[in-house]
Amino acid sequence: MNLEDAFHQPRIDASGGETVGVDPRQPADVQNALAAKFPVNLTELVVFPNNFACPSAVMQDVKTGEHTGISDVMSPWSGAVAQA
C-alpha cells in the first residue's frame, strides 16, 4: 500500500480514555470486533476537532531512491514538497 492509500484509510483512536474512537468508514466486521472488546464511539474524521492523530510520513523506495511524502489529509495547515 502506498502512503496516499494508507493515509486515506479509516482510522481507529485507542489513545486512552474510556472508549475507542472508530471512524464509521471502518467495515462493519471491524467495528463489531472492536465493540466486542471495548466501548466504541463512532468518530468522524473531520478538520476540527482533531479526533485522530495528525500523521506525516516520508518513504524511500530502496530500488529507485525516490522519496514520497504525505502529511495529514484533513489538516488545512499540512504541507508537502516534491523531490527534485
N, C-alpha and C. Protein backbone atom coordinates (compact mmCIF):
# COMPACT_ATOMS: atom_id res chain seq x y z
N MET A 1 0.86 -1.17 0.00
CA MET A 1 0.00 0.00 0.00
C MET A 1 0.90 1.23 0.00
N ASN A 2 0.60 2.18 -0.86
CA ASN A 2 1.40 3.40 -0.88
C ASN A 2 0.94 4.35 0.24
N LEU A 3 1.71 5.41 0.45
CA LEU A 3 1.39 6.34 1.54
C LEU A 3 0.04 7.01 1.37
N GLU A 4 -0.30 7.41 0.15
CA GLU A 4 -1.58 8.09 -0.04
C GLU A 4 -2.75 7.17 0.32
N ASP A 5 -2.69 5.93 -0.14
CA ASP A 5 -3.75 4.98 0.22
C ASP A 5 -3.81 4.75 1.73
N ALA A 6 -2.65 4.62 2.35
CA ALA A 6 -2.60 4.39 3.80
C ALA A 6 -3.20 5.56 4.58
N PHE A 7 -2.89 6.78 4.17
CA PHE A 7 -3.37 7.95 4.90
C PHE A 7 -4.86 8.21 4.71
N HIS A 8 -5.45 7.60 3.70
CA HIS A 8 -6.89 7.76 3.47
C HIS A 8 -7.71 6.60 4.04
N GLN A 9 -7.05 5.68 4.75
CA GLN A 9 -7.78 4.57 5.37
C GLN A 9 -8.57 5.06 6.57
N PRO A 10 -9.71 4.43 6.87
CA PRO A 10 -10.46 4.77 8.08
C PRO A 10 -9.59 4.53 9.31
N ARG A 11 -9.73 5.35 10.32
CA ARG A 11 -8.84 5.33 11.48
C ARG A 11 -9.51 4.79 12.73
N ILE A 12 -8.63 4.40 13.66
CA ILE A 12 -9.04 3.95 14.99
C ILE A 12 -8.22 4.76 15.99
N ASP A 13 -8.85 5.27 17.04
CA ASP A 13 -8.15 6.01 18.09
C ASP A 13 -8.26 5.24 19.39
N ALA A 14 -7.13 4.69 19.82
CA ALA A 14 -7.07 3.99 21.10
C ALA A 14 -6.04 4.67 21.99
N SER A 15 -6.03 6.01 21.97
CA SER A 15 -5.01 6.78 22.67
C SER A 15 -5.27 6.94 24.16
N GLY A 16 -6.35 6.38 24.63
CA GLY A 16 -6.63 6.46 26.06
C GLY A 16 -8.06 6.84 26.31
N GLY A 17 -8.42 6.84 27.56
CA GLY A 17 -9.80 7.18 27.90
C GLY A 17 -10.67 5.94 27.98
N GLU A 18 -11.94 6.17 28.15
CA GLU A 18 -12.90 5.08 28.36
C GLU A 18 -13.29 4.36 27.07
N THR A 19 -13.26 5.05 25.94
CA THR A 19 -13.76 4.46 24.70
C THR A 19 -12.70 4.44 23.61
N VAL A 20 -12.95 3.62 22.61
CA VAL A 20 -12.11 3.57 21.41
C VAL A 20 -12.87 4.32 20.32
N GLY A 21 -12.22 5.31 19.72
CA GLY A 21 -12.83 6.05 18.63
C GLY A 21 -12.67 5.28 17.33
N VAL A 22 -13.76 5.08 16.62
CA VAL A 22 -13.73 4.31 15.37
C VAL A 22 -14.35 5.14 14.26
N ASP A 23 -13.61 5.34 13.20
CA ASP A 23 -14.13 6.01 12.01
C ASP A 23 -15.26 5.16 11.45
N PRO A 24 -16.44 5.73 11.25
CA PRO A 24 -17.57 4.94 10.75
C PRO A 24 -17.36 4.36 9.36
N ARG A 25 -16.32 4.78 8.66
CA ARG A 25 -15.99 4.18 7.36
C ARG A 25 -15.35 2.80 7.52
N GLN A 26 -14.97 2.45 8.77
CA GLN A 26 -14.44 1.11 9.01
C GLN A 26 -15.51 0.09 8.63
N PRO A 27 -15.12 -1.05 8.07
CA PRO A 27 -16.10 -2.09 7.76
C PRO A 27 -16.84 -2.55 9.02
N ALA A 28 -18.07 -2.99 8.85
CA ALA A 28 -18.90 -3.42 9.98
C ALA A 28 -18.23 -4.51 10.80
N ASP A 29 -17.51 -5.44 10.15
CA ASP A 29 -16.87 -6.51 10.92
C ASP A 29 -15.77 -5.97 11.83
N VAL A 30 -15.06 -4.93 11.40
CA VAL A 30 -14.04 -4.30 12.24
C VAL A 30 -14.71 -3.58 13.40
N GLN A 31 -15.76 -2.81 13.12
CA GLN A 31 -16.49 -2.11 14.18
C GLN A 31 -17.03 -3.10 15.21
N ASN A 32 -17.61 -4.21 14.74
CA ASN A 32 -18.18 -5.20 15.65
C ASN A 32 -17.11 -5.90 16.49
N ALA A 33 -15.97 -6.21 15.89
CA ALA A 33 -14.88 -6.85 16.63
C ALA A 33 -14.36 -5.93 17.72
N LEU A 34 -14.20 -4.65 17.42
CA LEU A 34 -13.76 -3.70 18.44
C LEU A 34 -14.81 -3.54 19.53
N ALA A 35 -16.07 -3.45 19.13
CA ALA A 35 -17.16 -3.27 20.10
C ALA A 35 -17.32 -4.48 21.02
N ALA A 36 -16.89 -5.65 20.58
CA ALA A 36 -16.96 -6.84 21.41
C ALA A 36 -15.96 -6.79 22.56
N LYS A 37 -14.91 -5.98 22.41
CA LYS A 37 -13.85 -5.91 23.44
C LYS A 37 -13.78 -4.58 24.17
N PHE A 38 -14.27 -3.51 23.54
CA PHE A 38 -14.14 -2.16 24.10
C PHE A 38 -15.42 -1.37 23.90
N PRO A 39 -15.64 -0.36 24.76
CA PRO A 39 -16.71 0.60 24.45
C PRO A 39 -16.26 1.41 23.23
N VAL A 40 -17.10 1.52 22.23
CA VAL A 40 -16.75 2.16 20.97
C VAL A 40 -17.58 3.42 20.77
N ASN A 41 -16.93 4.45 20.27
CA ASN A 41 -17.60 5.69 19.90
C ASN A 41 -17.31 5.93 18.42
N LEU A 42 -18.35 5.94 17.57
CA LEU A 42 -18.13 6.25 16.16
C LEU A 42 -17.74 7.71 16.05
N THR A 43 -16.60 7.95 15.44
CA THR A 43 -15.97 9.27 15.43
C THR A 43 -15.58 9.64 14.01
N GLU A 44 -16.13 10.72 13.51
CA GLU A 44 -15.84 11.16 12.14
C GLU A 44 -14.41 11.71 12.03
N LEU A 45 -13.81 11.51 10.86
CA LEU A 45 -12.53 12.14 10.53
C LEU A 45 -12.86 13.50 9.93
N VAL A 46 -12.67 14.56 10.70
CA VAL A 46 -13.02 15.92 10.28
C VAL A 46 -11.85 16.86 10.57
N VAL A 47 -11.93 18.06 10.02
CA VAL A 47 -10.88 19.05 10.23
C VAL A 47 -10.80 19.47 11.69
N PHE A 48 -11.94 19.73 12.32
CA PHE A 48 -11.96 20.14 13.72
C PHE A 48 -13.22 19.61 14.37
N PRO A 49 -13.12 19.03 15.53
CA PRO A 49 -11.93 18.81 16.33
C PRO A 49 -11.11 17.63 15.80
N ASN A 50 -9.84 17.60 16.16
CA ASN A 50 -8.97 16.50 15.76
C ASN A 50 -9.32 15.27 16.58
N ASN A 51 -10.04 14.35 16.00
CA ASN A 51 -10.44 13.13 16.70
C ASN A 51 -9.42 12.01 16.57
N PHE A 52 -8.47 12.18 15.68
CA PHE A 52 -7.45 11.18 15.43
C PHE A 52 -6.09 11.87 15.34
N ALA A 53 -5.04 11.09 15.22
CA ALA A 53 -3.69 11.64 15.08
C ALA A 53 -3.59 12.47 13.80
N CYS A 54 -2.60 13.35 13.77
CA CYS A 54 -2.30 14.16 12.58
C CYS A 54 -0.94 13.70 12.05
N PRO A 55 -0.92 12.58 11.34
CA PRO A 55 0.36 11.99 10.94
C PRO A 55 1.00 12.68 9.74
N SER A 56 2.30 12.45 9.63
CA SER A 56 3.05 12.80 8.43
C SER A 56 4.08 11.70 8.24
N ALA A 57 4.50 11.47 7.02
CA ALA A 57 5.44 10.38 6.76
C ALA A 57 6.24 10.65 5.50
N VAL A 58 7.41 10.03 5.46
CA VAL A 58 8.25 10.02 4.26
C VAL A 58 8.68 8.57 4.06
N MET A 59 8.63 8.12 2.82
CA MET A 59 9.01 6.76 2.50
C MET A 59 10.05 6.81 1.38
N GLN A 60 11.06 5.93 1.47
CA GLN A 60 12.06 5.85 0.42
C GLN A 60 11.92 4.52 -0.30
N ASP A 61 11.87 4.57 -1.62
CA ASP A 61 11.89 3.36 -2.43
C ASP A 61 13.34 2.89 -2.48
N VAL A 62 13.63 1.73 -1.91
CA VAL A 62 15.02 1.28 -1.83
C VAL A 62 15.60 0.93 -3.20
N LYS A 63 14.76 0.64 -4.17
CA LYS A 63 15.26 0.31 -5.51
C LYS A 63 15.61 1.55 -6.31
N THR A 64 14.78 2.60 -6.21
CA THR A 64 15.00 3.80 -7.03
C THR A 64 15.59 4.96 -6.25
N GLY A 65 15.50 4.92 -4.92
CA GLY A 65 15.96 6.03 -4.10
C GLY A 65 14.97 7.18 -4.03
N GLU A 66 13.84 7.05 -4.73
CA GLU A 66 12.83 8.11 -4.72
C GLU A 66 12.16 8.21 -3.35
N HIS A 67 11.94 9.44 -2.92
CA HIS A 67 11.25 9.70 -1.66
C HIS A 67 9.82 10.16 -1.95
N THR A 68 8.90 9.64 -1.17
CA THR A 68 7.50 10.03 -1.26
C THR A 68 7.07 10.48 0.12
N GLY A 69 6.34 11.59 0.19
CA GLY A 69 5.89 12.09 1.49
C GLY A 69 4.43 12.48 1.45
N ILE A 70 3.83 12.51 2.62
CA ILE A 70 2.45 12.94 2.76
C ILE A 70 2.26 13.50 4.16
N SER A 71 1.36 14.44 4.27
CA SER A 71 1.01 14.98 5.58
C SER A 71 -0.48 14.73 5.82
N ASP A 72 -0.94 15.05 7.00
CA ASP A 72 -2.31 14.77 7.40
C ASP A 72 -3.30 15.26 6.34
N VAL A 73 -4.11 14.34 5.85
CA VAL A 73 -5.01 14.67 4.74
C VAL A 73 -6.15 15.60 5.13
N MET A 74 -6.46 15.72 6.42
CA MET A 74 -7.56 16.57 6.85
C MET A 74 -7.12 17.92 7.40
N SER A 75 -5.82 18.12 7.56
CA SER A 75 -5.35 19.36 8.16
C SER A 75 -5.12 20.44 7.10
N PRO A 76 -5.79 21.59 7.25
CA PRO A 76 -5.56 22.68 6.30
C PRO A 76 -4.18 23.32 6.47
N TRP A 77 -3.47 22.97 7.54
CA TRP A 77 -2.15 23.53 7.80
C TRP A 77 -1.04 22.62 7.32
N SER A 78 -1.39 21.43 6.82
CA SER A 78 -0.38 20.49 6.36
C SER A 78 0.23 20.97 5.05
N GLY A 79 1.45 20.54 4.83
CA GLY A 79 2.11 20.88 3.59
C GLY A 79 3.10 19.80 3.21
N ALA A 80 3.47 19.76 1.97
CA ALA A 80 4.44 18.79 1.49
C ALA A 80 5.23 19.43 0.36
N VAL A 81 6.38 18.85 0.07
CA VAL A 81 7.21 19.33 -1.03
C VAL A 81 7.53 18.15 -1.95
N ALA A 82 7.88 18.46 -3.18
CA ALA A 82 8.23 17.43 -4.15
C ALA A 82 9.74 17.28 -4.22
N GLN A 83 10.17 16.05 -4.48
CA GLN A 83 11.59 15.79 -4.66
C GLN A 83 11.98 16.25 -6.06
N ALA A 84 13.09 17.00 -6.14
CA ALA A 84 13.54 17.50 -7.45
C ALA A 84 14.39 16.47 -8.16
